[in-house]
Amino acid sequence: MSTMSQRSHLTDSEAWGFVGRDEILSPIVAPSTAAIGDDFNLMDDNCRPHHANLVENFLFEEGILRIEWPACSPNMNPTEHVWDALGRPVAGRQPPPQTIQELERALQEEWDRIPPTRA
C-alpha cells in the first residue's frame, strides 16, 4: 500500500511530498546521484509543492543539492524555452497534426531544425 493512501486530507504540498519522495526521488534521483557523483545537482521548477518538508528532508538526508532558482522564474527554466521553440512551429502547421504519430513526427522535425547553439 502506498504511503500516500494511508493518509487522508493531505494538502497539495503534502501529497506531492509523498509522491515526489516515494516515486521519483528515492527510486530514480537518488541512484542517479550515486552514478554521477559530486557533480550532481537537482534542477526542478521551483514549484512550491516540490519544496514540501518530506522532499526537503529527503534531499538533506541523501546529501542531494538543489540548484536554487528565483521564485516564479520560467524564463530561467531551459525547458520552457525548448517547448516554445517546438510548440510554436508545430501549432502553426497547416494542417495541424491529427494523430500522436503525426505530432511526434512534427516535434522531431522541429527539434532537428533548432540550431545546436540554441538547443
PDB file of N, CA and C in Angstrom:
ATOM      1  N   MET A   1       0.848  -1.182   0.000  1.00  0.00           N
ATOM      2  CA  MET A   1       0.000   0.000   0.000  1.00  0.00           C
ATOM      3  C   MET A   1       0.889   1.238   0.000  1.00  0.00           C
ATOM      4  N   SER A   2       0.559   2.189  -0.837  1.00  0.00           N
ATOM      5  CA  SER A   2       1.319   3.431  -0.919  1.00  0.00           C
ATOM      6  C   SER A   2       1.222   4.206   0.386  1.00  0.00           C
ATOM      7  N   THR A   3       2.316   4.861   0.736  1.00  0.00           N
ATOM      8  CA  THR A   3       2.326   5.686   1.939  1.00  0.00           C
ATOM      9  C   THR A   3       1.249   6.754   1.852  1.00  0.00           C
ATOM     10  N   MET A   4       1.073   7.324   0.653  1.00  0.00           N
ATOM     11  CA  MET A   4       0.112   8.404   0.497  1.00  0.00           C
ATOM     12  C   MET A   4      -1.311   7.915   0.744  1.00  0.00           C
ATOM     13  N   SER A   5      -1.632   6.686   0.342  1.00  0.00           N
ATOM     14  CA  SER A   5      -3.004   6.216   0.511  1.00  0.00           C
ATOM     15  C   SER A   5      -3.345   5.956   1.971  1.00  0.00           C
ATOM     16  N   GLN A   6      -2.359   5.899   2.835  1.00  0.00           N
ATOM     17  CA  GLN A   6      -2.600   5.680   4.252  1.00  0.00           C
ATOM     18  C   GLN A   6      -3.044   6.953   4.960  1.00  0.00           C
ATOM     19  N   ARG A   7      -2.895   8.089   4.301  1.00  0.00           N
ATOM     20  CA  ARG A   7      -3.254   9.360   4.918  1.00  0.00           C
ATOM     21  C   ARG A   7      -4.457   9.945   4.206  1.00  0.00           C
ATOM     22  N   SER A   8      -5.173  10.801   4.899  1.00  0.00           N
ATOM     23  CA  SER A   8      -6.284  11.491   4.260  1.00  0.00           C
ATOM     24  C   SER A   8      -6.148  12.974   4.543  1.00  0.00           C
ATOM     25  N   HIS A   9      -6.839  13.765   3.784  1.00  0.00           N
ATOM     26  CA  HIS A   9      -6.857  15.216   3.969  1.00  0.00           C
ATOM     27  C   HIS A   9      -5.468  15.829   3.806  1.00  0.00           C
ATOM     28  N   LEU A  10      -4.775  15.440   2.762  1.00  0.00           N
ATOM     29  CA  LEU A  10      -3.448  15.987   2.505  1.00  0.00           C
ATOM     30  C   LEU A  10      -3.556  17.283   1.715  1.00  0.00           C
ATOM     31  N   THR A  11      -2.673  18.213   2.004  1.00  0.00           N
ATOM     32  CA  THR A  11      -2.563  19.397   1.160  1.00  0.00           C
ATOM     33  C   THR A  11      -1.842  18.982  -0.114  1.00  0.00           C
ATOM     34  N   ASP A  12      -1.873  19.857  -1.133  1.00  0.00           N
ATOM     35  CA  ASP A  12      -1.154  19.564  -2.370  1.00  0.00           C
ATOM     36  C   ASP A  12       0.332  19.342  -2.105  1.00  0.00           C
ATOM     37  N   SER A  13       0.908  20.175  -1.245  1.00  0.00           N
ATOM     38  CA  SER A  13       2.333  20.039  -0.943  1.00  0.00           C
ATOM     39  C   SER A  13       2.630  18.721  -0.247  1.00  0.00           C
ATOM     40  N   GLU A  14       1.775  18.334   0.685  1.00  0.00           N
ATOM     41  CA  GLU A  14       1.991  17.060   1.383  1.00  0.00           C
ATOM     42  C   GLU A  14       1.848  15.885   0.417  1.00  0.00           C
ATOM     43  N   ALA A  15       0.825  15.952  -0.432  1.00  0.00           N
ATOM     44  CA  ALA A  15       0.622  14.872  -1.404  1.00  0.00           C
ATOM     45  C   ALA A  15       1.829  14.764  -2.319  1.00  0.00           C
ATOM     46  N   TRP A  16       2.305  15.911  -2.824  1.00  0.00           N
ATOM     47  CA  TRP A  16       3.489  15.884  -3.680  1.00  0.00           C
ATOM     48  C   TRP A  16       4.691  15.363  -2.903  1.00  0.00           C
ATOM     49  N   GLY A  17       4.791  15.694  -1.642  1.00  0.00           N
ATOM     50  CA  GLY A  17       5.912  15.215  -0.840  1.00  0.00           C
ATOM     51  C   GLY A  17       6.006  13.703  -0.846  1.00  0.00           C
ATOM     52  N   PHE A  18       4.867  13.032  -0.655  1.00  0.00           N
ATOM     53  CA  PHE A  18       4.868  11.568  -0.676  1.00  0.00           C
ATOM     54  C   PHE A  18       5.194  11.037  -2.065  1.00  0.00           C
ATOM     55  N   VAL A  19       4.519  11.570  -3.076  1.00  0.00           N
ATOM     56  CA  VAL A  19       4.752  11.105  -4.445  1.00  0.00           C
ATOM     57  C   VAL A  19       6.187  11.408  -4.863  1.00  0.00           C
ATOM     58  N   GLY A  20       6.613  12.636  -4.619  1.00  0.00           N
ATOM     59  CA  GLY A  20       7.965  13.026  -5.011  1.00  0.00           C
ATOM     60  C   GLY A  20       9.030  12.166  -4.363  1.00  0.00           C
ATOM     61  N   ARG A  21       8.886  11.946  -3.078  1.00  0.00           N
ATOM     62  CA  ARG A  21       9.885  11.153  -2.356  1.00  0.00           C
ATOM     63  C   ARG A  21       9.831   9.679  -2.748  1.00  0.00           C
ATOM     64  N   ASP A  22       8.622   9.092  -2.715  1.00  0.00           N
ATOM     65  CA  ASP A  22       8.485   7.646  -2.864  1.00  0.00           C
ATOM     66  C   ASP A  22       8.521   7.149  -4.303  1.00  0.00           C
ATOM     67  N   GLU A  23       8.116   8.000  -5.248  1.00  0.00           N
ATOM     68  CA  GLU A  23       8.005   7.528  -6.624  1.00  0.00           C
ATOM     69  C   GLU A  23       9.003   8.171  -7.582  1.00  0.00           C
ATOM     70  N   ILE A  24       9.665   9.248  -7.153  1.00  0.00           N
ATOM     71  CA  ILE A  24      10.615   9.915  -8.047  1.00  0.00           C
ATOM     72  C   ILE A  24      11.998  10.004  -7.407  1.00  0.00           C
ATOM     73  N   LEU A  25      12.075  10.676  -6.269  1.00  0.00           N
ATOM     74  CA  LEU A  25      13.385  10.927  -5.670  1.00  0.00           C
ATOM     75  C   LEU A  25      14.090   9.649  -5.227  1.00  0.00           C
ATOM     76  N   SER A  26      13.398   8.821  -4.469  1.00  0.00           N
ATOM     77  CA  SER A  26      14.039   7.626  -3.929  1.00  0.00           C
ATOM     78  C   SER A  26      14.416   6.607  -5.005  1.00  0.00           C
ATOM     79  N   PRO A  27      13.486   6.237  -5.906  1.00  0.00           N
ATOM     80  CA  PRO A  27      13.858   5.204  -6.871  1.00  0.00           C
ATOM     81  C   PRO A  27      14.630   5.695  -8.090  1.00  0.00           C
ATOM     82  N   ILE A  28      14.550   6.987  -8.415  1.00  0.00           N
ATOM     83  CA  ILE A  28      15.155   7.475  -9.657  1.00  0.00           C
ATOM     84  C   ILE A  28      16.301   8.448  -9.402  1.00  0.00           C
ATOM     85  N   VAL A  29      16.026   9.511  -8.632  1.00  0.00           N
ATOM     86  CA  VAL A  29      17.030  10.559  -8.449  1.00  0.00           C
ATOM     87  C   VAL A  29      18.188  10.093  -7.579  1.00  0.00           C
ATOM     88  N   ALA A  30      17.899   9.472  -6.445  1.00  0.00           N
ATOM     89  CA  ALA A  30      18.978   9.056  -5.541  1.00  0.00           C
ATOM     90  C   ALA A  30      19.979   8.130  -6.227  1.00  0.00           C
ATOM     91  N   PRO A  31      19.544   7.104  -6.977  1.00  0.00           N
ATOM     92  CA  PRO A  31      20.531   6.279  -7.676  1.00  0.00           C
ATOM     93  C   PRO A  31      21.343   7.063  -8.710  1.00  0.00           C
ATOM     94  N   SER A  32      20.729   8.071  -9.323  1.00  0.00           N
ATOM     95  CA  SER A  32      21.459   8.892 -10.293  1.00  0.00           C
ATOM     96  C   SER A  32      22.562   9.684  -9.625  1.00  0.00           C
ATOM     97  N   THR A  33      22.304  10.157  -8.415  1.00  0.00           N
ATOM     98  CA  THR A  33      23.344  10.924  -7.722  1.00  0.00           C
ATOM     99  C   THR A  33      24.551  10.050  -7.456  1.00  0.00           C
ATOM    100  N   ALA A  34      24.320   8.800  -7.109  1.00  0.00           N
ATOM    101  CA  ALA A  34      25.434   7.888  -6.856  1.00  0.00           C
ATOM    102  C   ALA A  34      26.221   7.641  -8.135  1.00  0.00           C
ATOM    103  N   ALA A  35      25.532   7.508  -9.251  1.00  0.00           N
ATOM    104  CA  ALA A  35      26.198   7.240 -10.522  1.00  0.00           C
ATOM    105  C   ALA A  35      26.985   8.448 -11.020  1.00  0.00           C
ATOM    106  N   ILE A  36      26.449   9.650 -10.817  1.00  0.00           N
ATOM    107  CA  ILE A  36      27.093  10.866 -11.324  1.00  0.00           C
ATOM    108  C   ILE A  36      28.145  11.378 -10.356  1.00  0.00           C
ATOM    109  N   GLY A  37      27.887  11.268  -9.080  1.00  0.00           N
ATOM    110  CA  GLY A  37      28.861  11.692  -8.082  1.00  0.00           C
ATOM    111  C   GLY A  37      28.675  13.126  -7.638  1.00  0.00           C
ATOM    112  N   ASP A  38      29.776  13.742  -7.232  1.00  0.00           N
ATOM    113  CA  ASP A  38      29.734  15.076  -6.631  1.00  0.00           C
ATOM    114  C   ASP A  38      29.239  16.164  -7.575  1.00  0.00           C
ATOM    115  N   ASP A  39      29.258  15.915  -8.872  1.00  0.00           N
ATOM    116  CA  ASP A  39      28.815  16.928  -9.828  1.00  0.00           C
ATOM    117  C   ASP A  39      27.296  16.981  -9.972  1.00  0.00           C
ATOM    118  N   PHE A  40      26.577  16.084  -9.291  1.00  0.00           N
ATOM    119  CA  PHE A  40      25.121  16.032  -9.431  1.00  0.00           C
ATOM    120  C   PHE A  40      24.468  17.179  -8.676  1.00  0.00           C
ATOM    121  N   ASN A  41      23.588  17.901  -9.360  1.00  0.00           N
ATOM    122  CA  ASN A  41      22.739  18.922  -8.753  1.00  0.00           C
ATOM    123  C   ASN A  41      21.337  18.733  -9.305  1.00  0.00           C
ATOM    124  N   LEU A  42      20.349  18.743  -8.432  1.00  0.00           N
ATOM    125  CA  LEU A  42      18.960  18.561  -8.836  1.00  0.00           C
ATOM    126  C   LEU A  42      18.391  19.886  -9.326  1.00  0.00           C
ATOM    127  N   MET A  43      17.765  19.855 -10.500  1.00  0.00           N
ATOM    128  CA  MET A  43      17.087  21.041 -11.004  1.00  0.00           C
ATOM    129  C   MET A  43      15.603  20.726 -11.085  1.00  0.00           C
ATOM    130  N   ASP A  44      14.795  21.509 -10.418  1.00  0.00           N
ATOM    131  CA  ASP A  44      13.352  21.386 -10.559  1.00  0.00           C
ATOM    132  C   ASP A  44      12.804  22.749 -10.946  1.00  0.00           C
ATOM    133  N   ASP A  45      11.488  22.865 -11.017  1.00  0.00           N
ATOM    134  CA  ASP A  45      10.897  24.116 -11.495  1.00  0.00           C
ATOM    135  C   ASP A  45      10.515  25.080 -10.377  1.00  0.00           C
ATOM    136  N   ASN A  46      10.994  24.820  -9.160  1.00  0.00           N
ATOM    137  CA  ASN A  46      10.777  25.709  -8.023  1.00  0.00           C
ATOM    138  C   ASN A  46       9.302  25.832  -7.648  1.00  0.00           C
ATOM    139  N   CYS A  47       8.513  24.867  -8.058  1.00  0.00           N
ATOM    140  CA  CYS A  47       7.095  24.847  -7.688  1.00  0.00           C
ATOM    141  C   CYS A  47       6.988  24.575  -6.187  1.00  0.00           C
ATOM    142  N   ARG A  48       6.117  25.279  -5.512  1.00  0.00           N
ATOM    143  CA  ARG A  48       6.005  25.168  -4.053  1.00  0.00           C
ATOM    144  C   ARG A  48       5.868  23.725  -3.555  1.00  0.00           C
ATOM    145  N   PRO A  49       5.018  22.886  -4.171  1.00  0.00           N
ATOM    146  CA  PRO A  49       4.927  21.508  -3.667  1.00  0.00           C
ATOM    147  C   PRO A  49       6.240  20.736  -3.752  1.00  0.00           C
ATOM    148  N   HIS A  50       7.114  21.114  -4.662  1.00  0.00           N
ATOM    149  CA  HIS A  50       8.400  20.428  -4.774  1.00  0.00           C
ATOM    150  C   HIS A  50       9.316  20.752  -3.597  1.00  0.00           C
ATOM    151  N   HIS A  51       8.897  21.679  -2.760  1.00  0.00           N
ATOM    152  CA  HIS A  51       9.661  22.041  -1.567  1.00  0.00           C
ATOM    153  C   HIS A  51       8.937  21.592  -0.297  1.00  0.00           C
ATOM    154  N   ALA A  52       8.079  20.594  -0.429  1.00  0.00           N
ATOM    155  CA  ALA A  52       7.387  20.045   0.743  1.00  0.00           C
ATOM    156  C   ALA A  52       8.420  19.544   1.746  1.00  0.00           C
ATOM    157  N   ASN A  53       8.065  19.565   3.016  1.00  0.00           N
ATOM    158  CA  ASN A  53       9.004  19.136   4.059  1.00  0.00           C
ATOM    159  C   ASN A  53       9.550  17.740   3.810  1.00  0.00           C
ATOM    160  N   LEU A  54       8.695  16.816   3.376  1.00  0.00           N
ATOM    161  CA  LEU A  54       9.164  15.460   3.088  1.00  0.00           C
ATOM    162  C   LEU A  54      10.255  15.459   2.024  1.00  0.00           C
ATOM    163  N   VAL A  55      10.066  16.274   1.002  1.00  0.00           N
ATOM    164  CA  VAL A  55      11.052  16.364  -0.074  1.00  0.00           C
ATOM    165  C   VAL A  55      12.334  16.997   0.444  1.00  0.00           C
ATOM    166  N   GLU A  56      12.201  18.115   1.139  1.00  0.00           N
ATOM    167  CA  GLU A  56      13.384  18.802   1.671  1.00  0.00           C
ATOM    168  C   GLU A  56      14.173  17.890   2.603  1.00  0.00           C
ATOM    169  N   ASN A  57      13.470  17.179   3.479  1.00  0.00           N
ATOM    170  CA  ASN A  57      14.147  16.271   4.410  1.00  0.00           C
ATOM    171  C   ASN A  57      14.858  15.147   3.665  1.00  0.00           C
ATOM    172  N   PHE A  58      14.205  14.593   2.663  1.00  0.00           N
ATOM    173  CA  PHE A  58      14.824  13.516   1.887  1.00  0.00           C
ATOM    174  C   PHE A  58      16.093  14.016   1.207  1.00  0.00           C
ATOM    175  N   LEU A  59      16.005  15.162   0.548  1.00  0.00           N
ATOM    176  CA  LEU A  59      17.179  15.703  -0.145  1.00  0.00           C
ATOM    177  C   LEU A  59      18.321  15.954   0.832  1.00  0.00           C
ATOM    178  N   PHE A  60      18.017  16.501   1.995  1.00  0.00           N
ATOM    179  CA  PHE A  60      19.037  16.765   3.007  1.00  0.00           C
ATOM    180  C   PHE A  60      19.683  15.463   3.473  1.00  0.00           C
ATOM    181  N   GLU A  61      18.842  14.479   3.807  1.00  0.00           N
ATOM    182  CA  GLU A  61      19.362  13.201   4.309  1.00  0.00           C
ATOM    183  C   GLU A  61      20.214  12.477   3.273  1.00  0.00           C
ATOM    184  N   GLU A  62      19.867  12.627   1.997  1.00  0.00           N
ATOM    185  CA  GLU A  62      20.621  11.969   0.928  1.00  0.00           C
ATOM    186  C   GLU A  62      21.809  12.808   0.454  1.00  0.00           C
ATOM    187  N   GLY A  63      21.916  14.037   0.960  1.00  0.00           N
ATOM    188  CA  GLY A  63      23.009  14.909   0.536  1.00  0.00           C
ATOM    189  C   GLY A  63      22.866  15.394  -0.896  1.00  0.00           C
ATOM    190  N   ILE A  64      21.622  15.504  -1.366  1.00  0.00           N
ATOM    191  CA  ILE A  64      21.360  15.941  -2.736  1.00  0.00           C
ATOM    192  C   ILE A  64      21.209  17.457  -2.747  1.00  0.00           C
ATOM    193  N   LEU A  65      22.030  18.117  -3.551  1.00  0.00           N
ATOM    194  CA  LEU A  65      21.976  19.571  -3.656  1.00  0.00           C
ATOM    195  C   LEU A  65      21.023  19.970  -4.770  1.00  0.00           C
ATOM    196  N   ARG A  66      20.253  21.000  -4.513  1.00  0.00           N
ATOM    197  CA  ARG A  66      19.297  21.517  -5.478  1.00  0.00           C
ATOM    198  C   ARG A  66      19.828  22.837  -6.034  1.00  0.00           C
ATOM    199  N   ILE A  67      19.683  23.016  -7.339  1.00  0.00           N
ATOM    200  CA  ILE A  67      20.004  24.302  -7.948  1.00  0.00           C
ATOM    201  C   ILE A  67      18.919  25.275  -7.511  1.00  0.00           C
ATOM    202  N   GLU A  68      19.302  26.364  -6.914  1.00  0.00           N
ATOM    203  CA  GLU A  68      18.323  27.340  -6.430  1.00  0.00           C
ATOM    204  C   GLU A  68      17.915  28.271  -7.568  1.00  0.00           C
ATOM    205  N   TRP A  69      16.626  28.434  -7.728  1.00  0.00           N
ATOM    206  CA  TRP A  69      16.061  29.324  -8.733  1.00  0.00           C
ATOM    207  C   TRP A  69      15.265  30.414  -8.034  1.00  0.00           C
ATOM    208  N   PRO A  70      15.240  31.612  -8.608  1.00  0.00           N
ATOM    209  CA  PRO A  70      14.338  32.629  -8.067  1.00  0.00           C
ATOM    210  C   PRO A  70      12.888  32.156  -8.217  1.00  0.00           C
ATOM    211  N   ALA A  71      12.035  32.594  -7.325  1.00  0.00           N
ATOM    212  CA  ALA A  71      10.625  32.208  -7.381  1.00  0.00           C
ATOM    213  C   ALA A  71       9.994  32.670  -8.685  1.00  0.00           C
ATOM    214  N   CYS A  72       9.105  31.858  -9.206  1.00  0.00           N
ATOM    215  CA  CYS A  72       8.346  32.195 -10.415  1.00  0.00           C
ATOM    216  C   CYS A  72       9.254  32.665 -11.539  1.00  0.00           C
ATOM    217  N   SER A  73      10.180  31.818 -11.937  1.00  0.00           N
ATOM    218  CA  SER A  73      11.160  32.226 -12.941  1.00  0.00           C
ATOM    219  C   SER A  73      11.168  31.294 -14.149  1.00  0.00           C
ATOM    220  N   PRO A  74      10.036  31.164 -14.865  1.00  0.00           N
ATOM    221  CA  PRO A  74      10.033  30.271 -16.016  1.00  0.00           C
ATOM    222  C   PRO A  74      11.026  30.700 -17.088  1.00  0.00           C
ATOM    223  N   ASN A  75      11.373  31.986 -17.134  1.00  0.00           N
ATOM    224  CA  ASN A  75      12.341  32.450 -18.120  1.00  0.00           C
ATOM    225  C   ASN A  75      13.730  31.865 -17.878  1.00  0.00           C
ATOM    226  N   MET A  76      13.988  31.364 -16.668  1.00  0.00           N
ATOM    227  CA  MET A  76      15.287  30.766 -16.372  1.00  0.00           C
ATOM    228  C   MET A  76      15.254  29.246 -16.503  1.00  0.00           C
ATOM    229  N   ASN A  77      14.109  28.694 -16.833  1.00  0.00           N
ATOM    230  CA  ASN A  77      13.979  27.252 -16.971  1.00  0.00           C
ATOM    231  C   ASN A  77      14.172  26.892 -18.440  1.00  0.00           C
ATOM    232  N   PRO A  78      15.252  26.199 -18.779  1.00  0.00           N
ATOM    233  CA  PRO A  78      15.514  25.896 -20.186  1.00  0.00           C
ATOM    234  C   PRO A  78      14.403  25.098 -20.853  1.00  0.00           C
ATOM    235  N   THR A  79      13.687  24.311 -20.091  1.00  0.00           N
ATOM    236  CA  THR A  79      12.604  23.514 -20.664  1.00  0.00           C
ATOM    237  C   THR A  79      11.533  24.409 -21.271  1.00  0.00           C
ATOM    238  N   GLU A  80      11.246  25.534 -20.614  1.00  0.00           N
ATOM    239  CA  GLU A  80      10.233  26.454 -21.141  1.00  0.00           C
ATOM    240  C   GLU A  80      10.636  26.963 -22.521  1.00  0.00           C
ATOM    241  N   HIS A  81      11.909  27.261 -22.709  1.00  0.00           N
ATOM    242  CA  HIS A  81      12.388  27.771 -23.995  1.00  0.00           C
ATOM    243  C   HIS A  81      12.337  26.692 -25.072  1.00  0.00           C
ATOM    244  N   VAL A  82      12.655  25.466 -24.697  1.00  0.00           N
ATOM    245  CA  VAL A  82      12.612  24.366 -25.658  1.00  0.00           C
ATOM    246  C   VAL A  82      11.179  24.139 -26.125  1.00  0.00           C
ATOM    247  N   TRP A  83      10.233  24.100 -25.181  1.00  0.00           N
ATOM    248  CA  TRP A  83       8.842  23.878 -25.578  1.00  0.00           C
ATOM    249  C   TRP A  83       8.329  25.024 -26.442  1.00  0.00           C
ATOM    250  N   ASP A  84       8.785  26.235 -26.181  1.00  0.00           N
ATOM    251  CA  ASP A  84       8.385  27.366 -27.015  1.00  0.00           C
ATOM    252  C   ASP A  84       8.932  27.184 -28.427  1.00  0.00           C
ATOM    253  N   ALA A  85      10.208  26.790 -28.523  1.00  0.00           N
ATOM    254  CA  ALA A  85      10.835  26.605 -29.833  1.00  0.00           C
ATOM    255  C   ALA A  85      10.185  25.467 -30.616  1.00  0.00           C
ATOM    256  N   LEU A  86       9.667  24.476 -29.925  1.00  0.00           N
ATOM    257  CA  LEU A  86       8.990  23.362 -30.595  1.00  0.00           C
ATOM    258  C   LEU A  86       7.511  23.643 -30.819  1.00  0.00           C
ATOM    259  N   GLY A  87       6.871  24.197 -29.808  1.00  0.00           N
ATOM    260  CA  GLY A  87       5.424  24.341 -29.832  1.00  0.00           C
ATOM    261  C   GLY A  87       4.899  25.326 -30.848  1.00  0.00           C
ATOM    262  N   ARG A  88       5.546  26.468 -30.967  1.00  0.00           N
ATOM    263  CA  ARG A  88       5.041  27.484 -31.902  1.00  0.00           C
ATOM    264  C   ARG A  88       5.021  26.981 -33.348  1.00  0.00           C
ATOM    265  N   PRO A  89       6.129  26.440 -33.851  1.00  0.00           N
ATOM    266  CA  PRO A  89       6.088  25.961 -35.237  1.00  0.00           C
ATOM    267  C   PRO A  89       5.103  24.805 -35.443  1.00  0.00           C
ATOM    268  N   VAL A  90       5.023  23.904 -34.479  1.00  0.00           N
ATOM    269  CA  VAL A  90       4.091  22.780 -34.616  1.00  0.00           C
ATOM    270  C   VAL A  90       2.655  23.295 -34.596  1.00  0.00           C
ATOM    271  N   ALA A  91       2.355  24.235 -33.715  1.00  0.00           N
ATOM    272  CA  ALA A  91       0.999  24.785 -33.629  1.00  0.00           C
ATOM    273  C   ALA A  91       0.619  25.532 -34.902  1.00  0.00           C
ATOM    274  N   GLY A  92       1.616  26.084 -35.605  1.00  0.00           N
ATOM    275  CA  GLY A  92       1.340  26.834 -36.820  1.00  0.00           C
ATOM    276  C   GLY A  92       1.258  25.985 -38.078  1.00  0.00           C
ATOM    277  N   ARG A  93       1.474  24.707 -37.963  1.00  0.00           N
ATOM    278  CA  ARG A  93       1.429  23.837 -39.147  1.00  0.00           C
ATOM    279  C   ARG A  93       0.012  23.748 -39.706  1.00  0.00           C
ATOM    280  N   GLN A  94      -0.053  23.765 -41.042  1.00  0.00           N
ATOM    281  CA  GLN A  94      -1.333  23.592 -41.733  1.00  0.00           C
ATOM    282  C   GLN A  94      -1.204  22.455 -42.718  1.00  0.00           C
ATOM    283  N   PRO A  95      -1.927  21.429 -42.577  1.00  0.00           N
ATOM    284  CA  PRO A  95      -2.866  21.159 -41.497  1.00  0.00           C
ATOM    285  C   PRO A  95      -2.125  20.759 -40.224  1.00  0.00           C
ATOM    286  N   PRO A  96      -2.749  20.963 -39.081  1.00  0.00           N
ATOM    287  CA  PRO A  96      -2.093  20.582 -37.826  1.00  0.00           C
ATOM    288  C   PRO A  96      -2.021  19.055 -37.703  1.00  0.00           C
ATOM    289  N   PRO A  97      -1.085  18.563 -36.904  1.00  0.00           N
ATOM    290  CA  PRO A  97      -1.007  17.113 -36.687  1.00  0.00           C
ATOM    291  C   PRO A  97      -2.344  16.587 -36.157  1.00  0.00           C
ATOM    292  N   GLN A  98      -2.766  15.450 -36.693  1.00  0.00           N
ATOM    293  CA  GLN A  98      -4.059  14.872 -36.325  1.00  0.00           C
ATOM    294  C   GLN A  98      -3.944  13.646 -35.427  1.00  0.00           C
ATOM    295  N   THR A  99      -2.777  13.041 -35.384  1.00  0.00           N
ATOM    296  CA  THR A  99      -2.587  11.832 -34.581  1.00  0.00           C
ATOM    297  C   THR A  99      -1.341  12.004 -33.710  1.00  0.00           C
ATOM    298  N   ILE A 100      -1.192  11.124 -32.752  1.00  0.00           N
ATOM    299  CA  ILE A 100       0.009  11.146 -31.902  1.00  0.00           C
ATOM    300  C   ILE A 100       1.249  10.947 -32.761  1.00  0.00           C
ATOM    301  N   GLN A 101       1.169  10.043 -33.729  1.00  0.00           N
ATOM    302  CA  GLN A 101       2.317   9.789 -34.595  1.00  0.00           C
ATOM    303  C   GLN A 101       2.680  11.033 -35.404  1.00  0.00           C
ATOM    304  N   GLU A 102       1.686  11.729 -35.933  1.00  0.00           N
ATOM    305  CA  GLU A 102       1.949  12.965 -36.673  1.00  0.00           C
ATOM    306  C   GLU A 102       2.545  14.026 -35.755  1.00  0.00           C
ATOM    307  N   LEU A 103       2.042  14.115 -34.531  1.00  0.00           N
ATOM    308  CA  LEU A 103       2.582  15.077 -33.574  1.00  0.00           C
ATOM    309  C   LEU A 103       4.029  14.740 -33.240  1.00  0.00           C
ATOM    310  N   GLU A 104       4.307  13.472 -32.986  1.00  0.00           N
ATOM    311  CA  GLU A 104       5.690  13.060 -32.701  1.00  0.00           C
ATOM    312  C   GLU A 104       6.610  13.400 -33.867  1.00  0.00           C
ATOM    313  N   ARG A 105       6.159  13.122 -35.088  1.00  0.00           N
ATOM    314  CA  ARG A 105       6.961  13.417 -36.276  1.00  0.00           C
ATOM    315  C   ARG A 105       7.201  14.925 -36.402  1.00  0.00           C
ATOM    316  N   ALA A 106       6.154  15.723 -36.194  1.00  0.00           N
ATOM    317  CA  ALA A 106       6.287  17.177 -36.292  1.00  0.00           C
ATOM    318  C   ALA A 106       7.248  17.710 -35.234  1.00  0.00           C
ATOM    319  N   LEU A 107       7.126  17.210 -34.008  1.00  0.00           N
ATOM    320  CA  LEU A 107       8.039  17.648 -32.946  1.00  0.00           C
ATOM    321  C   LEU A 107       9.479  17.276 -33.276  1.00  0.00           C
ATOM    322  N   GLN A 108       9.696  16.072 -33.800  1.00  0.00           N
ATOM    323  CA  GLN A 108      11.052  15.651 -34.168  1.00  0.00           C
ATOM    324  C   GLN A 108      11.604  16.531 -35.284  1.00  0.00           C
ATOM    325  N   GLU A 109      10.774  16.841 -36.280  1.00  0.00           N
ATOM    326  CA  GLU A 109      11.216  17.704 -37.378  1.00  0.00           C
ATOM    327  C   GLU A 109      11.599  19.087 -36.859  1.00  0.00           C
ATOM    328  N   GLU A 110      10.781  19.646 -35.976  1.00  0.00           N
ATOM    329  CA  GLU A 110      11.097  20.968 -35.428  1.00  0.00           C
ATOM    330  C   GLU A 110      12.330  20.906 -34.532  1.00  0.00           C
ATOM    331  N   TRP A 111      12.474  19.818 -33.773  1.00  0.00           N
ATOM    332  CA  TRP A 111      13.672  19.646 -32.935  1.00  0.00           C
ATOM    333  C   TRP A 111      14.920  19.643 -33.813  1.00  0.00           C
ATOM    334  N   ASP A 112      14.858  18.943 -34.944  1.00  0.00           N
ATOM    335  CA  ASP A 112      16.006  18.860 -35.850  1.00  0.00           C
ATOM    336  C   ASP A 112      16.342  20.213 -36.468  1.00  0.00           C
ATOM    337  N   ARG A 113      15.374  21.124 -36.521  1.00  0.00           N
ATOM    338  CA  ARG A 113      15.609  22.459 -37.092  1.00  0.00           C
ATOM    339  C   ARG A 113      16.231  23.442 -36.092  1.00  0.00           C
ATOM    340  N   ILE A 114      16.212  23.109 -34.817  1.00  0.00           N
ATOM    341  CA  ILE A 114      16.779  24.013 -33.813  1.00  0.00           C
ATOM    342  C   ILE A 114      18.301  23.960 -33.922  1.00  0.00           C
ATOM    343  N   PRO A 115      18.955  25.106 -34.111  1.00  0.00           N
ATOM    344  CA  PRO A 115      20.421  25.099 -34.202  1.00  0.00           C
ATOM    345  C   PRO A 115      21.040  24.585 -32.902  1.00  0.00           C
ATOM    346  N   PRO A 116      22.128  23.822 -32.997  1.00  0.00           N
ATOM    347  CA  PRO A 116      22.763  23.282 -31.788  1.00  0.00           C
ATOM    348  C   PRO A 116      23.132  24.358 -30.770  1.00  0.00           C
ATOM    349  N   THR A 117      23.407  25.553 -31.223  1.00  0.00           N
ATOM    350  CA  THR A 117      23.767  26.623 -30.289  1.00  0.00           C
ATOM    351  C   THR A 117      22.574  27.074 -29.468  1.00  0.00           C
ATOM    352  N   ARG A 118      21.367  26.785 -29.936  1.00  0.00           N
ATOM    353  CA  ARG A 118      20.162  27.196 -29.213  1.00  0.00           C
ATOM    354  C   ARG A 118      19.581  26.069 -28.365  1.00  0.00           C
ATOM    355  N   ALA A 119      19.864  24.830 -28.726  1.00  0.00           N
ATOM    356  CA  ALA A 119      19.265  23.685 -28.029  1.00  0.00           C
ATOM    357  C   ALA A 119      19.977  23.381 -26.742  1.00  0.00           C
TER     358      ALA A 119
END
